[in-house]
Amino acid sequence: MSRTVQCILLNEEKPGLDRPPYPGDLGRRIFEQVSQEAWRQWLAHQTMLINEYRLVPIEPKDRAFLEQEMEKFFFGDGSEPPQAFVPK
């Protein structure tokens, strides 16, 4: 039986992640409060941010930016796409 969480993003009971997807306190909070479905939504949003802002995830400043956006996406007011972004 898979574990479920009350997903903070989708506001419903959903299957949870198998393990923390990120290190530290943020990863623990995501593991405890974010569903698999919401995590997939973040991965798509993160990919868009990386592409639109031309981020290099191994660069410390880019990783810090992505971590801030992840925090906003799940636990804040949401992470916004760049102003010039036009979805397909």
C-alpha atoms as a PDB file:
ATOM      1  CA  MET A   1       0.000   0.000   0.000  1.00  0.00           C
ATOM      2  CA  SER A   2       1.457   3.359  -0.977  1.00  0.00           C
ATOM      3  CA  ARG A   3       1.597   6.215   1.472  1.00  0.00           C
ATOM      4  CA  THR A   4      -0.709   9.165   0.989  1.00  0.00           C
ATOM      5  CA  VAL A   5      -0.382  12.801   1.960  1.00  0.00           C
ATOM      6  CA  GLN A   6      -2.750  15.709   2.242  1.00  0.00           C
ATOM      7  CA  CYS A   7      -1.188  17.589  -0.681  1.00  0.00           C
ATOM      8  CA  ILE A   8      -0.562  21.226   0.126  1.00  0.00           C
ATOM      9  CA  LEU A   9      -0.667  22.208  -3.556  1.00  0.00           C
ATOM     10  CA  LEU A  10      -3.696  20.227  -4.746  1.00  0.00           C
ATOM     11  CA  ASN A  11      -5.542  20.373  -1.423  1.00  0.00           C
ATOM     12  CA  GLU A  12      -6.570  16.712  -1.474  1.00  0.00           C
ATOM     13  CA  GLU A  13      -5.391  13.313  -0.304  1.00  0.00           C
ATOM     14  CA  LYS A  14      -3.033  11.886  -2.940  1.00  0.00           C
ATOM     15  CA  PRO A  15      -0.237   9.292  -3.207  1.00  0.00           C
ATOM     16  CA  GLY A  16       2.930  10.676  -1.635  1.00  0.00           C
ATOM     17  CA  LEU A  17       6.525  10.514  -2.751  1.00  0.00           C
ATOM     18  CA  ASP A  18       8.628   7.434  -1.972  1.00  0.00           C
ATOM     19  CA  ARG A  19      11.474   9.456  -0.470  1.00  0.00           C
ATOM     20  CA  PRO A  20      12.446  13.100   0.043  1.00  0.00           C
ATOM     21  CA  PRO A  21      13.182  14.544  -3.411  1.00  0.00           C
ATOM     22  CA  TYR A  22      15.505  17.265  -2.173  1.00  0.00           C
ATOM     23  CA  PRO A  23      18.022  17.478   0.681  1.00  0.00           C
ATOM     24  CA  GLY A  24      17.490  19.246   3.971  1.00  0.00           C
ATOM     25  CA  ASP A  25      14.445  20.746   5.617  1.00  0.00           C
ATOM     26  CA  LEU A  26      12.823  21.721   2.317  1.00  0.00           C
ATOM     27  CA  GLY A  27      13.065  18.135   1.068  1.00  0.00           C
ATOM     28  CA  ARG A  28      11.544  16.841   4.303  1.00  0.00           C
ATOM     29  CA  ARG A  29       8.649  19.312   4.066  1.00  0.00           C
ATOM     30  CA  ILE A  30       8.031  18.338   0.439  1.00  0.00           C
ATOM     31  CA  PHE A  31       8.107  14.632   1.345  1.00  0.00           C
ATOM     32  CA  GLU A  32       5.564  15.177   4.123  1.00  0.00           C
ATOM     33  CA  GLN A  33       3.185  17.560   2.307  1.00  0.00           C
ATOM     34  CA  VAL A  34       3.503  17.166  -1.474  1.00  0.00           C
ATOM     35  CA  SER A  35       1.949  14.459  -3.642  1.00  0.00           C
ATOM     36  CA  GLN A  36       3.542  12.663  -6.569  1.00  0.00           C
ATOM     37  CA  GLU A  37       1.237  14.566  -8.931  1.00  0.00           C
ATOM     38  CA  ALA A  38       2.208  17.962  -7.485  1.00  0.00           C
ATOM     39  CA  TRP A  39       5.904  17.009  -7.670  1.00  0.00           C
ATOM     40  CA  ARG A  40       5.478  16.202 -11.385  1.00  0.00           C
ATOM     41  CA  GLN A  41       3.893  19.645 -11.846  1.00  0.00           C
ATOM     42  CA  TRP A  42       6.925  21.214 -10.173  1.00  0.00           C
ATOM     43  CA  LEU A  43       9.340  19.276 -12.413  1.00  0.00           C
ATOM     44  CA  ALA A  44       7.555  20.622 -15.505  1.00  0.00           C
ATOM     45  CA  HIS A  45       7.601  24.157 -14.068  1.00  0.00           C
ATOM     46  CA  GLN A  46      11.258  23.830 -13.102  1.00  0.00           C
ATOM     47  CA  THR A  47      12.130  22.687 -16.635  1.00  0.00           C
ATOM     48  CA  MET A  48      10.376  25.758 -18.028  1.00  0.00           C
ATOM     49  CA  LEU A  49      12.302  28.014 -15.608  1.00  0.00           C
ATOM     50  CA  ILE A  50      15.617  26.388 -16.541  1.00  0.00           C
ATOM     51  CA  ASN A  51      14.919  26.796 -20.239  1.00  0.00           C
ATOM     52  CA  GLU A  52      13.467  30.303 -20.154  1.00  0.00           C
ATOM     53  CA  TYR A  53      16.087  31.740 -17.813  1.00  0.00           C
ATOM     54  CA  ARG A  54      18.874  29.614 -19.342  1.00  0.00           C
ATOM     55  CA  LEU A  55      19.839  28.341 -15.907  1.00  0.00           C
ATOM     56  CA  VAL A  56      22.682  25.941 -15.246  1.00  0.00           C
ATOM     57  CA  PRO A  57      21.537  23.807 -12.282  1.00  0.00           C
ATOM     58  CA  ILE A  58      25.092  23.059 -11.126  1.00  0.00           C
ATOM     59  CA  GLU A  59      25.786  26.784 -10.678  1.00  0.00           C
ATOM     60  CA  PRO A  60      25.232  27.782  -7.018  1.00  0.00           C
ATOM     61  CA  LYS A  61      23.302  30.968  -7.860  1.00  0.00           C
ATOM     62  CA  ASP A  62      21.009  29.095 -10.259  1.00  0.00           C
ATOM     63  CA  ARG A  63      20.423  26.304  -7.709  1.00  0.00           C
ATOM     64  CA  ALA A  64      19.595  28.920  -5.076  1.00  0.00           C
ATOM     65  CA  PHE A  65      17.111  30.560  -7.473  1.00  0.00           C
ATOM     66  CA  LEU A  66      15.446  27.202  -8.218  1.00  0.00           C
ATOM     67  CA  GLU A  67      15.249  26.390  -4.510  1.00  0.00           C
ATOM     68  CA  GLN A  68      13.551  29.734  -3.823  1.00  0.00           C
ATOM     69  CA  GLU A  69      11.099  29.105  -6.651  1.00  0.00           C
ATOM     70  CA  MET A  70      10.407  25.582  -5.337  1.00  0.00           C
ATOM     71  CA  GLU A  71       9.654  27.015  -1.909  1.00  0.00           C
ATOM     72  CA  LYS A  72       7.270  29.576  -3.453  1.00  0.00           C
ATOM     73  CA  PHE A  73       5.664  26.955  -5.735  1.00  0.00           C
ATOM     74  CA  PHE A  74       4.680  24.664  -2.867  1.00  0.00           C
ATOM     75  CA  PHE A  75       4.547  26.797   0.261  1.00  0.00           C
ATOM     76  CA  GLY A  76       4.251  30.418  -0.896  1.00  0.00           C
ATOM     77  CA  ASP A  77       2.228  32.411  -3.367  1.00  0.00           C
ATOM     78  CA  GLY A  78       3.375  30.311  -6.331  1.00  0.00           C
ATOM     79  CA  SER A  79       6.235  30.542  -8.775  1.00  0.00           C
ATOM     80  CA  GLU A  80       5.501  32.709 -11.776  1.00  0.00           C
ATOM     81  CA  PRO A  81       6.846  32.098 -15.277  1.00  0.00           C
ATOM     82  CA  PRO A  82       8.969  34.829 -16.877  1.00  0.00           C
ATOM     83  CA  GLN A  83       6.901  37.726 -18.251  1.00  0.00           C
ATOM     84  CA  ALA A  84       7.906  36.926 -21.830  1.00  0.00           C
ATOM     85  CA  PHE A  85       6.961  33.238 -21.495  1.00  0.00           C
ATOM     86  CA  VAL A  86       4.303  32.072 -23.967  1.00  0.00           C
ATOM     87  CA  PRO A  87       2.993  28.552 -23.307  1.00  0.00           C
ATOM     88  CA  LYS A  88       2.643  26.247 -26.301  1.00  0.00           C
END
